[in-house]
N, C-alpha and C. Protein backbone atom coordinates (compact mmCIF):
# COMPACT_ATOMS: atom_id res chain seq x y z
N UNK A 1 205.81 189.70 101.54
CA UNK A 1 206.18 188.98 101.96
C UNK A 1 204.48 188.49 102.66
N UNK A 2 203.84 187.33 103.12
CA UNK A 2 203.00 187.03 103.63
C UNK A 2 203.30 186.58 104.96
N UNK A 3 201.95 186.73 105.61
CA UNK A 3 201.73 186.87 107.42
C UNK A 3 200.63 186.38 107.63
N UNK A 4 200.50 185.29 108.25
CA UNK A 4 199.53 185.03 108.79
C UNK A 4 198.77 184.94 109.34
N UNK A 5 197.42 184.81 108.99
CA UNK A 5 196.44 186.21 109.70
C UNK A 5 194.91 184.89 110.96
N UNK A 6 195.00 185.04 112.35
CA UNK A 6 194.49 184.08 112.39
C UNK A 6 193.32 184.73 113.24
N UNK A 7 192.12 184.62 113.03
CA UNK A 7 190.63 184.51 113.13
C UNK A 7 190.47 184.37 114.94
N UNK A 8 190.01 185.60 115.70
CA UNK A 8 189.54 185.09 116.78
C UNK A 8 188.74 184.70 117.06
N UNK A 9 188.17 183.93 117.07
CA UNK A 9 187.02 183.29 116.02
C UNK A 9 185.86 183.39 117.52
N UNK A 10 186.61 183.39 118.55
CA UNK A 10 185.56 183.69 120.24
C UNK A 10 185.20 184.98 120.07
N UNK A 11 186.16 185.62 120.23
CA UNK A 11 186.23 186.80 120.09
C UNK A 11 184.72 188.05 118.49
N UNK A 12 184.21 186.83 117.02
CA UNK A 12 183.64 187.41 116.21
C UNK A 12 182.42 187.31 116.66
N UNK A 13 182.17 185.71 117.60
CA UNK A 13 181.07 185.06 118.28
C UNK A 13 180.87 186.09 119.31
N UNK A 14 181.42 186.89 120.19
CA UNK A 14 180.96 187.60 121.28
C UNK A 14 180.13 189.04 120.62
N UNK A 15 181.29 189.66 119.07
CA UNK A 15 181.23 190.34 118.48
C UNK A 15 179.63 190.45 117.51
N UNK A 16 179.01 189.19 116.73
CA UNK A 16 177.78 188.63 116.51
C UNK A 16 177.04 188.71 117.58
N UNK A 17 177.18 188.95 118.50
CA UNK A 17 176.48 188.34 119.14
C UNK A 17 176.28 189.84 120.71
N UNK A 18 176.49 190.53 120.11
CA UNK A 18 176.50 191.49 121.45
C UNK A 18 175.37 192.57 121.29
N UNK A 19 174.68 193.37 122.15
CA UNK A 19 173.96 194.18 122.36
C UNK A 19 174.14 195.08 120.76
N UNK A 20 175.17 196.07 120.91
CA UNK A 20 175.94 196.94 120.28
C UNK A 20 175.20 196.03 118.20
N UNK A 21 175.59 194.84 117.89
CA UNK A 21 175.32 194.07 117.27
C UNK A 21 173.48 193.75 116.85
N UNK A 22 172.76 193.84 118.00
CA UNK A 22 171.77 193.56 117.39
C UNK A 22 170.61 195.19 117.77
N UNK A 23 171.11 196.39 118.22
CA UNK A 23 170.71 197.12 117.66
C UNK A 23 170.68 198.09 116.78
N UNK A 24 172.11 197.09 115.24
CA UNK A 24 172.11 197.59 114.67
C UNK A 24 170.76 196.67 113.74
N UNK A 25 171.09 195.97 113.48
CA UNK A 25 169.89 194.68 112.89
C UNK A 25 168.83 195.58 113.77
N UNK A 26 168.64 195.35 114.89
CA UNK A 26 166.98 196.12 114.74
C UNK A 26 166.49 197.30 114.08
N UNK A 27 167.80 198.44 114.33
CA UNK A 27 167.47 199.38 113.25
C UNK A 27 167.03 199.63 112.14
N UNK A 28 167.68 198.36 111.11
CA UNK A 28 167.36 198.28 109.83
C UNK A 28 166.40 197.54 109.66
N UNK A 29 166.10 196.65 110.97
CA UNK A 29 164.81 195.99 110.37
C UNK A 29 163.48 197.22 110.39
N UNK A 30 163.50 198.02 111.68
CA UNK A 30 162.92 198.93 111.77
C UNK A 30 162.43 199.82 110.39
N UNK A 31 163.59 199.75 109.76
CA UNK A 31 163.14 201.02 108.66
C UNK A 31 163.11 200.62 107.30
N UNK A 32 162.93 198.81 107.81
CA UNK A 32 162.11 198.03 105.98
C UNK A 32 160.95 198.07 106.67
N UNK A 33 160.66 197.45 107.72
CA UNK A 33 158.74 197.60 108.02
C UNK A 33 158.29 198.62 108.13
N UNK A 34 159.07 200.75 108.33
CA UNK A 34 158.71 201.45 107.56
C UNK A 34 158.22 202.05 106.33
N UNK A 35 158.83 201.58 105.70
CA UNK A 35 158.86 200.53 104.45
C UNK A 35 158.00 200.06 103.77
N UNK A 36 157.49 199.28 104.48
CA UNK A 36 156.47 197.98 103.97
C UNK A 36 155.43 199.48 104.39
N UNK A 37 155.22 199.43 105.13
CA UNK A 37 153.74 200.15 105.61
C UNK A 37 153.32 199.81 107.25
N UNK A 38 152.28 199.58 107.28
CA UNK A 38 150.92 199.91 108.61
C UNK A 38 150.76 197.43 108.82
N UNK A 39 151.02 197.37 109.91
CA UNK A 39 151.17 195.83 110.14
C UNK A 39 152.39 194.88 109.67
N UNK A 40 152.92 196.04 110.26
CA UNK A 40 153.89 194.93 109.83
C UNK A 40 155.28 195.14 110.76
N UNK A 41 155.62 193.77 111.83
CA UNK A 41 156.55 193.98 113.44
C UNK A 41 157.34 193.34 112.55
N UNK A 42 158.69 193.78 114.01
CA UNK A 42 160.02 193.02 113.63
C UNK A 42 159.96 192.34 115.23
N UNK A 43 161.37 190.79 114.74
CA UNK A 43 160.94 190.73 116.20
C UNK A 43 162.66 190.04 115.89
N UNK A 44 163.29 190.43 117.67
CA UNK A 44 164.30 190.05 117.45
C UNK A 44 164.79 188.96 118.21
N UNK A 45 166.10 187.98 118.19
CA UNK A 45 166.37 187.19 118.88
C UNK A 45 167.63 186.96 119.08
N UNK A 46 168.30 185.78 119.91
CA UNK A 46 169.56 186.17 120.43
C UNK A 46 169.78 184.48 119.82
N UNK A 47 170.31 184.04 118.46
CA UNK A 47 170.88 182.62 118.84
C UNK A 47 172.11 182.27 119.08
N UNK A 48 171.76 181.17 118.86
CA UNK A 48 173.13 180.32 119.51
C UNK A 48 174.36 180.63 118.49
N UNK A 49 174.83 181.94 117.41
CA UNK A 49 175.56 182.13 116.84
C UNK A 49 175.49 183.79 116.59
N UNK A 50 174.52 184.70 116.62
CA UNK A 50 174.75 185.60 115.78
C UNK A 50 172.97 186.72 116.42
N UNK A 51 173.02 187.48 116.78
CA UNK A 51 171.61 187.57 116.13
C UNK A 51 170.82 187.88 115.32
N UNK A 52 169.76 187.65 115.57
CA UNK A 52 168.99 188.31 114.69
C UNK A 52 167.20 189.19 114.38
N UNK A 53 167.68 189.89 113.44
CA UNK A 53 165.99 190.57 113.12
C UNK A 53 165.25 189.90 112.02
N UNK A 54 163.75 190.17 112.20
CA UNK A 54 163.53 189.68 111.29
C UNK A 54 161.92 190.79 110.77
N UNK A 55 161.53 191.03 109.95
CA UNK A 55 159.96 191.79 109.80
C UNK A 55 158.96 190.63 108.42
N UNK A 56 157.49 190.86 109.77
CA UNK A 56 156.82 189.60 109.86
C UNK A 56 155.24 190.75 109.01
N UNK A 57 154.96 190.00 109.11
CA UNK A 57 153.20 190.33 108.52
C UNK A 57 152.57 189.90 109.67
N UNK A 58 151.23 191.42 110.47
CA UNK A 58 151.07 190.81 111.69
C UNK A 58 149.25 191.11 111.62
N UNK A 59 149.33 191.58 110.20
CA UNK A 59 147.99 191.43 110.32
C UNK A 59 147.07 191.14 108.76
N UNK A 60 145.96 191.09 108.78
CA UNK A 60 145.06 190.27 107.78
C UNK A 60 145.79 191.03 106.42
N UNK A 61 145.06 191.65 106.99
CA UNK A 61 145.52 192.80 106.09
C UNK A 61 146.95 193.49 105.41
N UNK A 62 148.14 193.28 106.15
CA UNK A 62 150.43 192.95 105.79
C UNK A 62 149.99 191.82 105.03
N UNK A 63 149.21 190.87 105.55
CA UNK A 63 149.48 189.83 105.69
C UNK A 63 148.84 189.64 103.81
N UNK A 64 147.24 189.70 103.65
CA UNK A 64 147.59 189.96 101.97
C UNK A 64 147.86 190.57 100.79
N UNK A 65 148.50 191.26 101.88
CA UNK A 65 149.81 192.96 100.77
C UNK A 65 150.67 192.04 100.73
N UNK A 66 151.62 191.61 101.71
CA UNK A 66 152.75 190.82 101.07
C UNK A 66 153.15 189.60 100.35
N UNK A 67 151.59 189.24 99.92
CA UNK A 67 151.59 188.11 99.39
C UNK A 67 150.84 188.61 97.89
N UNK A 68 149.85 189.83 97.60
CA UNK A 68 149.61 190.09 96.49
C UNK A 68 150.50 190.76 96.01
N UNK A 69 151.12 191.57 96.38
CA UNK A 69 152.37 192.67 96.40
C UNK A 69 153.24 192.15 96.34
N UNK A 70 154.28 191.70 97.66
CA UNK A 70 155.44 190.73 97.80
C UNK A 70 156.16 192.65 97.69
N UNK A 71 155.12 193.35 99.32
CA UNK A 71 155.84 193.56 99.79
C UNK A 71 156.80 193.60 100.54
N UNK A 72 157.25 192.47 101.93
CA UNK A 72 158.55 192.58 102.39
C UNK A 72 159.87 193.22 101.32
N UNK A 73 159.89 192.03 99.99
CA UNK A 73 161.26 191.72 99.10
C UNK A 73 161.39 193.42 98.93
N UNK A 74 159.95 194.32 98.67
CA UNK A 74 160.03 195.57 97.80
C UNK A 74 160.88 195.92 98.58
N UNK A 75 160.21 196.20 100.65
CA UNK A 75 160.45 196.90 101.17
C UNK A 75 162.30 196.97 101.64
N UNK A 76 162.28 195.19 101.57
CA UNK A 76 163.95 195.40 102.15
C UNK A 76 164.63 195.86 100.39
N UNK A 77 164.52 195.83 99.13
CA UNK A 77 165.42 196.22 98.72
C UNK A 77 165.37 197.89 97.85
N UNK A 78 164.61 198.59 99.35
CA UNK A 78 163.89 199.80 98.48
C UNK A 78 164.26 200.72 99.91
């Protein structure tokens, strides 16, 4: 027996833009920044379809470290 499934797009959009989803993304980004070390910062914002969190090198030392050692990629997978 096959049942049709209809996705509630407005509900999904609401979920993806919710404060709870922002907290989840921010928590994970902070874990990645912590594994990367000093000089890395987390930025979060709500886009047109979902929340976003990113980690970036904020100091010259961190920029050099991530360029030389691929630190952010290693922190993401570690």
